[in-house]
């Protein structure tokens, strides 16, 4: 499982985001169990790997351009 930054807020869904500096960010509702968040991130390992590779390749090809966030929502 990847390490990630967890941001809890008033929301109804959980989402996964990869920032331009390749940080993995999970947004979750208050009170959502950490074990469920970990399970969600684990279930998205393939998506995370694929998008990290895309961002890295794009950054190598176009180093001066800013990469946009990639999102995955449950």
PDB file of N, CA and C in Angstrom:
ATOM      1  N   UNK A   1       0.845  -1.182   0.000  1.00  0.00           N
ATOM      2  CA  UNK A   1       0.000   0.000   0.000  1.00  0.00           C
ATOM      3  C   UNK A   1       0.888   1.241   0.000  1.00  0.00           C
ATOM      4  N   UNK A   2       0.427   2.254  -0.693  1.00  0.00           N
ATOM      5  CA  UNK A   2       1.145   3.524  -0.774  1.00  0.00           C
ATOM      6  C   UNK A   2       0.891   4.370   0.471  1.00  0.00           C
ATOM      7  N   UNK A   3       1.862   5.201   0.815  1.00  0.00           N
ATOM      8  CA  UNK A   3       1.647   6.199   1.859  1.00  0.00           C
ATOM      9  C   UNK A   3       0.810   7.319   1.266  1.00  0.00           C
ATOM     10  N   UNK A   4      -0.024   7.930   2.095  1.00  0.00           N
ATOM     11  CA  UNK A   4      -0.884   8.993   1.598  1.00  0.00           C
ATOM     12  C   UNK A   4      -1.131  10.030   2.679  1.00  0.00           C
ATOM     13  N   UNK A   5      -1.543  11.200   2.231  1.00  0.00           N
ATOM     14  CA  UNK A   5      -1.952  12.267   3.141  1.00  0.00           C
ATOM     15  C   UNK A   5      -3.461  12.183   3.254  1.00  0.00           C
ATOM     16  N   UNK A   6      -3.974  12.182   4.477  1.00  0.00           N
ATOM     17  CA  UNK A   6      -5.408  12.079   4.718  1.00  0.00           C
ATOM     18  C   UNK A   6      -5.962  13.446   5.090  1.00  0.00           C
ATOM     19  N   UNK A   7      -6.999  13.850   4.371  1.00  0.00           N
ATOM     20  CA  UNK A   7      -7.697  15.104   4.669  1.00  0.00           C
ATOM     21  C   UNK A   7      -9.149  14.754   4.952  1.00  0.00           C
ATOM     22  N   UNK A   8      -9.565  15.025   6.173  1.00  0.00           N
ATOM     23  CA  UNK A   8     -10.956  14.769   6.554  1.00  0.00           C
ATOM     24  C   UNK A   8     -11.732  16.077   6.495  1.00  0.00           C
ATOM     25  N   UNK A   9     -12.973  15.982   6.033  1.00  0.00           N
ATOM     26  CA  UNK A   9     -13.806  17.180   5.932  1.00  0.00           C
ATOM     27  C   UNK A   9     -15.276  16.776   5.914  1.00  0.00           C
ATOM     28  N   UNK A  10     -16.138  17.792   5.871  1.00  0.00           N
ATOM     29  CA  UNK A  10     -17.574  17.523   5.769  1.00  0.00           C
ATOM     30  C   UNK A  10     -17.878  17.166   4.324  1.00  0.00           C
ATOM     31  N   UNK A  11     -17.926  15.901   4.057  1.00  0.00           N
ATOM     32  CA  UNK A  11     -18.229  15.409   2.721  1.00  0.00           C
ATOM     33  C   UNK A  11     -18.900  14.057   2.868  1.00  0.00           C
ATOM     34  N   UNK A  12     -19.467  13.553   1.788  1.00  0.00           N
ATOM     35  CA  UNK A  12     -20.184  12.283   1.854  1.00  0.00           C
ATOM     36  C   UNK A  12     -19.444  11.136   1.181  1.00  0.00           C
ATOM     37  N   UNK A  13     -18.393  11.452   0.439  1.00  0.00           N
ATOM     38  CA  UNK A  13     -17.682  10.404  -0.299  1.00  0.00           C
ATOM     39  C   UNK A  13     -16.193  10.446   0.014  1.00  0.00           C
ATOM     40  N   UNK A  14     -15.514   9.399  -0.397  1.00  0.00           N
ATOM     41  CA  UNK A  14     -14.067   9.328  -0.233  1.00  0.00           C
ATOM     42  C   UNK A  14     -13.451   9.482  -1.627  1.00  0.00           C
ATOM     43  N   UNK A  15     -12.346  10.209  -1.714  1.00  0.00           N
ATOM     44  CA  UNK A  15     -11.701  10.387  -3.016  1.00  0.00           C
ATOM     45  C   UNK A  15     -10.198  10.242  -2.887  1.00  0.00           C
ATOM     46  N   UNK A  16      -9.589   9.971  -4.023  1.00  0.00           N
ATOM     47  CA  UNK A  16      -8.159   9.756  -4.112  1.00  0.00           C
ATOM     48  C   UNK A  16      -7.617  10.700  -5.165  1.00  0.00           C
ATOM     49  N   UNK A  17      -6.495  11.327  -4.873  1.00  0.00           N
ATOM     50  CA  UNK A  17      -5.934  12.343  -5.758  1.00  0.00           C
ATOM     51  C   UNK A  17      -4.420  12.186  -5.784  1.00  0.00           C
ATOM     52  N   UNK A  18      -3.825  12.426  -6.939  1.00  0.00           N
ATOM     53  CA  UNK A  18      -2.370  12.461  -7.050  1.00  0.00           C
ATOM     54  C   UNK A  18      -2.000  13.877  -7.450  1.00  0.00           C
ATOM     55  N   UNK A  19      -1.195  14.521  -6.626  1.00  0.00           N
ATOM     56  CA  UNK A  19      -0.832  15.908  -6.899  1.00  0.00           C
ATOM     57  C   UNK A  19       0.290  15.989  -7.920  1.00  0.00           C
ATOM     58  N   UNK A  20       0.576  17.203  -8.372  1.00  0.00           N
ATOM     59  CA  UNK A  20       1.617  17.389  -9.386  1.00  0.00           C
ATOM     60  C   UNK A  20       2.998  16.987  -8.877  1.00  0.00           C
ATOM     61  N   UNK A  21       3.212  17.012  -7.543  1.00  0.00           N
ATOM     62  CA  UNK A  21       4.501  16.561  -7.005  1.00  0.00           C
ATOM     63  C   UNK A  21       4.425  15.113  -6.516  1.00  0.00           C
ATOM     64  N   UNK A  22       3.471  14.359  -7.077  1.00  0.00           N
ATOM     65  CA  UNK A  22       3.322  12.915  -6.866  1.00  0.00           C
ATOM     66  C   UNK A  22       2.922  12.525  -5.445  1.00  0.00           C
ATOM     67  N   UNK A  23       2.313  13.442  -4.720  1.00  0.00           N
ATOM     68  CA  UNK A  23       1.754  13.113  -3.414  1.00  0.00           C
ATOM     69  C   UNK A  23       0.393  12.460  -3.618  1.00  0.00           C
ATOM     70  N   UNK A  24       0.116  11.451  -2.820  1.00  0.00           N
ATOM     71  CA  UNK A  24      -1.182  10.789  -2.864  1.00  0.00           C
ATOM     72  C   UNK A  24      -2.014  11.362  -1.725  1.00  0.00           C
ATOM     73  N   UNK A  25      -3.175  11.885  -2.085  1.00  0.00           N
ATOM     74  CA  UNK A  25      -4.047  12.549  -1.120  1.00  0.00           C
ATOM     75  C   UNK A  25      -5.389  11.832  -1.103  1.00  0.00           C
ATOM     76  N   UNK A  26      -5.837  11.484   0.084  1.00  0.00           N
ATOM     77  CA  UNK A  26      -7.146  10.870   0.256  1.00  0.00           C
ATOM     78  C   UNK A  26      -8.017  11.853   1.019  1.00  0.00           C
ATOM     79  N   UNK A  27      -9.185  12.129   0.480  1.00  0.00           N
ATOM     80  CA  UNK A  27     -10.162  12.989   1.152  1.00  0.00           C
ATOM     81  C   UNK A  27     -11.295  12.096   1.632  1.00  0.00           C
ATOM     82  N   UNK A  28     -11.648  12.294   2.888  1.00  0.00           N
ATOM     83  CA  UNK A  28     -12.605  11.388   3.520  1.00  0.00           C
ATOM     84  C   UNK A  28     -13.544  12.170   4.436  1.00  0.00           C
ATOM     85  N   UNK A  29     -14.768  11.656   4.617  1.00  0.00           N
ATOM     86  CA  UNK A  29     -15.669  12.284   5.588  1.00  0.00           C
ATOM     87  C   UNK A  29     -15.150  12.087   7.014  1.00  0.00           C
ATOM     88  N   UNK A  30     -15.499  13.038   7.879  1.00  0.00           N
ATOM     89  CA  UNK A  30     -15.207  12.848   9.300  1.00  0.00           C
ATOM     90  C   UNK A  30     -15.854  11.546   9.743  1.00  0.00           C
ATOM     91  N   UNK A  31     -15.196  10.813  10.600  1.00  0.00           N
ATOM     92  CA  UNK A  31     -15.781   9.597  11.167  1.00  0.00           C
ATOM     93  C   UNK A  31     -15.665   8.358  10.301  1.00  0.00           C
ATOM     94  N   UNK A  32     -15.164   8.494   9.084  1.00  0.00           N
ATOM     95  CA  UNK A  32     -14.983   7.327   8.222  1.00  0.00           C
ATOM     96  C   UNK A  32     -13.817   6.518   8.782  1.00  0.00           C
ATOM     97  N   UNK A  33     -14.000   5.230   9.041  1.00  0.00           N
ATOM     98  CA  UNK A  33     -12.959   4.427   9.701  1.00  0.00           C
ATOM     99  C   UNK A  33     -11.649   4.362   8.901  1.00  0.00           C
ATOM    100  N   UNK A  34     -10.533   4.494   9.605  1.00  0.00           N
ATOM    101  CA  UNK A  34      -9.207   4.443   8.980  1.00  0.00           C
ATOM    102  C   UNK A  34      -9.000   3.107   8.271  1.00  0.00           C
ATOM    103  N   UNK A  35      -9.524   2.030   8.837  1.00  0.00           N
ATOM    104  CA  UNK A  35      -9.382   0.721   8.198  1.00  0.00           C
ATOM    105  C   UNK A  35     -10.069   0.690   6.831  1.00  0.00           C
ATOM    106  N   UNK A  36     -11.203   1.375   6.701  1.00  0.00           N
ATOM    107  CA  UNK A  36     -11.904   1.448   5.418  1.00  0.00           C
ATOM    108  C   UNK A  36     -11.140   2.319   4.426  1.00  0.00           C
ATOM    109  N   UNK A  37     -10.513   3.367   4.924  1.00  0.00           N
ATOM    110  CA  UNK A  37      -9.694   4.236   4.065  1.00  0.00           C
ATOM    111  C   UNK A  37      -8.506   3.438   3.528  1.00  0.00           C
ATOM    112  N   UNK A  38      -7.840   2.699   4.412  1.00  0.00           N
ATOM    113  CA  UNK A  38      -6.717   1.857   3.984  1.00  0.00           C
ATOM    114  C   UNK A  38      -7.169   0.830   2.952  1.00  0.00           C
ATOM    115  N   UNK A  39      -8.322   0.239   3.167  1.00  0.00           N
ATOM    116  CA  UNK A  39      -8.864  -0.748   2.225  1.00  0.00           C
ATOM    117  C   UNK A  39      -9.143  -0.099   0.871  1.00  0.00           C
ATOM    118  N   UNK A  40      -9.695   1.122   0.891  1.00  0.00           N
ATOM    119  CA  UNK A  40      -9.966   1.865  -0.343  1.00  0.00           C
ATOM    120  C   UNK A  40      -8.665   2.120  -1.106  1.00  0.00           C
ATOM    121  N   UNK A  41      -7.632   2.611  -0.403  1.00  0.00           N
ATOM    122  CA  UNK A  41      -6.350   2.909  -1.047  1.00  0.00           C
ATOM    123  C   UNK A  41      -5.737   1.626  -1.622  1.00  0.00           C
ATOM    124  N   UNK A  42      -5.792   0.553  -0.877  1.00  0.00           N
ATOM    125  CA  UNK A  42      -5.269  -0.723  -1.351  1.00  0.00           C
ATOM    126  C   UNK A  42      -6.000  -1.191  -2.612  1.00  0.00           C
ATOM    127  N   UNK A  43      -7.305  -0.999  -2.639  1.00  0.00           N
ATOM    128  CA  UNK A  43      -8.083  -1.423  -3.810  1.00  0.00           C
ATOM    129  C   UNK A  43      -7.766  -0.585  -5.045  1.00  0.00           C
ATOM    130  N   UNK A  44      -7.174   0.568  -4.848  1.00  0.00           N
ATOM    131  CA  UNK A  44      -6.840   1.462  -5.958  1.00  0.00           C
ATOM    132  C   UNK A  44      -5.352   1.431  -6.316  1.00  0.00           C
ATOM    133  N   UNK A  45      -4.615   0.446  -5.823  1.00  0.00           N
ATOM    134  CA  UNK A  45      -3.171   0.353  -6.089  1.00  0.00           C
ATOM    135  C   UNK A  45      -2.843   0.388  -7.581  1.00  0.00           C
ATOM    136  N   UNK A  46      -3.594  -0.353  -8.393  1.00  0.00           N
ATOM    137  CA  UNK A  46      -3.329  -0.368  -9.836  1.00  0.00           C
ATOM    138  C   UNK A  46      -3.543   1.015 -10.439  1.00  0.00           C
ATOM    139  N   UNK A  47      -4.629   1.675 -10.050  1.00  0.00           N
ATOM    140  CA  UNK A  47      -4.925   3.024 -10.544  1.00  0.00           C
ATOM    141  C   UNK A  47      -3.805   3.988 -10.134  1.00  0.00           C
ATOM    142  N   UNK A  48      -3.369   3.899  -8.892  1.00  0.00           N
ATOM    143  CA  UNK A  48      -2.304   4.778  -8.392  1.00  0.00           C
ATOM    144  C   UNK A  48      -1.022   4.547  -9.185  1.00  0.00           C
ATOM    145  N   UNK A  49      -0.626   3.300  -9.334  1.00  0.00           N
ATOM    146  CA  UNK A  49       0.601   2.972 -10.065  1.00  0.00           C
ATOM    147  C   UNK A  49       0.540   3.504 -11.495  1.00  0.00           C
ATOM    148  N   UNK A  50      -0.563   3.234 -12.179  1.00  0.00           N
ATOM    149  CA  UNK A  50      -0.722   3.667 -13.567  1.00  0.00           C
ATOM    150  C   UNK A  50      -0.615   5.193 -13.681  1.00  0.00           C
ATOM    151  N   UNK A  51      -1.276   5.913 -12.790  1.00  0.00           N
ATOM    152  CA  UNK A  51      -1.273   7.366 -12.889  1.00  0.00           C
ATOM    153  C   UNK A  51       0.035   7.993 -12.417  1.00  0.00           C
ATOM    154  N   UNK A  52       0.700   7.386 -11.453  1.00  0.00           N
ATOM    155  CA  UNK A  52       2.028   7.872 -11.075  1.00  0.00           C
ATOM    156  C   UNK A  52       2.986   7.754 -12.256  1.00  0.00           C
ATOM    157  N   UNK A  53       2.914   6.629 -12.965  1.00  0.00           N
ATOM    158  CA  UNK A  53       3.769   6.435 -14.136  1.00  0.00           C
ATOM    159  C   UNK A  53       3.450   7.444 -15.232  1.00  0.00           C
ATOM    160  N   UNK A  54       2.157   7.713 -15.455  1.00  0.00           N
ATOM    161  CA  UNK A  54       1.753   8.706 -16.453  1.00  0.00           C
ATOM    162  C   UNK A  54       2.313  10.086 -16.120  1.00  0.00           C
ATOM    163  N   UNK A  55       2.168  10.470 -14.860  1.00  0.00           N
ATOM    164  CA  UNK A  55       2.631  11.794 -14.443  1.00  0.00           C
ATOM    165  C   UNK A  55       4.150  11.886 -14.562  1.00  0.00           C
ATOM    166  N   UNK A  56       4.854  10.847 -14.140  1.00  0.00           N
ATOM    167  CA  UNK A  56       6.317  10.843 -14.243  1.00  0.00           C
ATOM    168  C   UNK A  56       6.761  10.945 -15.701  1.00  0.00           C
ATOM    169  N   UNK A  57       6.122  10.181 -16.578  1.00  0.00           N
ATOM    170  CA  UNK A  57       6.474  10.205 -18.003  1.00  0.00           C
ATOM    171  C   UNK A  57       6.192  11.576 -18.597  1.00  0.00           C
ATOM    172  N   UNK A  58       5.072  12.167 -18.245  1.00  0.00           N
ATOM    173  CA  UNK A  58       4.715  13.492 -18.752  1.00  0.00           C
ATOM    174  C   UNK A  58       5.700  14.540 -18.245  1.00  0.00           C
ATOM    175  N   UNK A  59       6.101  14.413 -16.991  1.00  0.00           N
ATOM    176  CA  UNK A  59       7.049  15.356 -16.407  1.00  0.00           C
ATOM    177  C   UNK A  59       8.409  15.250 -17.083  1.00  0.00           C
ATOM    178  N   UNK A  60       8.823  14.035 -17.408  1.00  0.00           N
ATOM    179  CA  UNK A  60      10.105  13.848 -18.098  1.00  0.00           C
ATOM    180  C   UNK A  60      10.051  14.390 -19.522  1.00  0.00           C
ATOM    181  N   UNK A  61       8.918  14.201 -20.184  1.00  0.00           N
ATOM    182  CA  UNK A  61       8.772  14.647 -21.564  1.00  0.00           C
ATOM    183  C   UNK A  61       8.589  16.167 -21.658  1.00  0.00           C
ATOM    184  N   UNK A  62       7.815  16.727 -20.721  1.00  0.00           N
ATOM    185  CA  UNK A  62       7.512  18.158 -20.714  1.00  0.00           C
ATOM    186  C   UNK A  62       7.833  18.736 -19.339  1.00  0.00           C
ATOM    187  N   UNK A  63       9.093  18.865 -18.992  1.00  0.00           N
ATOM    188  CA  UNK A  63       9.452  19.282 -17.635  1.00  0.00           C
ATOM    189  C   UNK A  63       8.981  20.694 -17.259  1.00  0.00           C
ATOM    190  N   UNK A  64       8.757  21.556 -18.220  1.00  0.00           N
ATOM    191  CA  UNK A  64       8.361  22.922 -17.893  1.00  0.00           C
ATOM    192  C   UNK A  64       6.857  23.081 -17.712  1.00  0.00           C
ATOM    193  N   UNK A  65       6.081  22.079 -18.093  1.00  0.00           N
ATOM    194  CA  UNK A  65       4.628  22.182 -17.962  1.00  0.00           C
ATOM    195  C   UNK A  65       4.167  21.654 -16.612  1.00  0.00           C
ATOM    196  N   UNK A  66       3.099  22.245 -16.125  1.00  0.00           N
ATOM    197  CA  UNK A  66       2.530  21.831 -14.843  1.00  0.00           C
ATOM    198  C   UNK A  66       1.553  20.693 -15.092  1.00  0.00           C
ATOM    199  N   UNK A  67       1.678  19.609 -14.336  1.00  0.00           N
ATOM    200  CA  UNK A  67       0.738  18.485 -14.432  1.00  0.00           C
ATOM    201  C   UNK A  67      -0.485  18.786 -13.584  1.00  0.00           C
ATOM    202  N   UNK A  68      -1.634  18.389 -14.076  1.00  0.00           N
ATOM    203  CA  UNK A  68      -2.865  18.574 -13.319  1.00  0.00           C
ATOM    204  C   UNK A  68      -3.098  17.381 -12.406  1.00  0.00           C
ATOM    205  N   UNK A  69      -3.960  17.571 -11.425  1.00  0.00           N
ATOM    206  CA  UNK A  69      -4.298  16.499 -10.497  1.00  0.00           C
ATOM    207  C   UNK A  69      -5.037  15.381 -11.218  1.00  0.00           C
ATOM    208  N   UNK A  70      -4.858  14.180 -10.734  1.00  0.00           N
ATOM    209  CA  UNK A  70      -5.621  13.015 -11.190  1.00  0.00           C
ATOM    210  C   UNK A  70      -6.494  12.595 -10.014  1.00  0.00           C
ATOM    211  N   UNK A  71      -7.784  12.352 -10.289  1.00  0.00           N
ATOM    212  CA  UNK A  71      -8.722  12.050  -9.217  1.00  0.00           C
ATOM    213  C   UNK A  71      -9.363  10.688  -9.416  1.00  0.00           C
ATOM    214  N   UNK A  72      -9.735  10.074  -8.305  1.00  0.00           N
ATOM    215  CA  UNK A  72     -10.525   8.840  -8.306  1.00  0.00           C
ATOM    216  C   UNK A  72     -11.482   8.952  -7.132  1.00  0.00           C
ATOM    217  N   UNK A  73     -12.778   8.804  -7.380  1.00  0.00           N
ATOM    218  CA  UNK A  73     -13.774   8.936  -6.329  1.00  0.00           C
ATOM    219  C   UNK A  73     -14.553   7.647  -6.180  1.00  0.00           C
ATOM    220  N   UNK A  74     -14.941   7.355  -4.969  1.00  0.00           N
ATOM    221  CA  UNK A  74     -15.746   6.176  -4.685  1.00  0.00           C
ATOM    222  C   UNK A  74     -17.195   6.528  -4.884  1.00  0.00           C
TER     223      UNK A  74
END
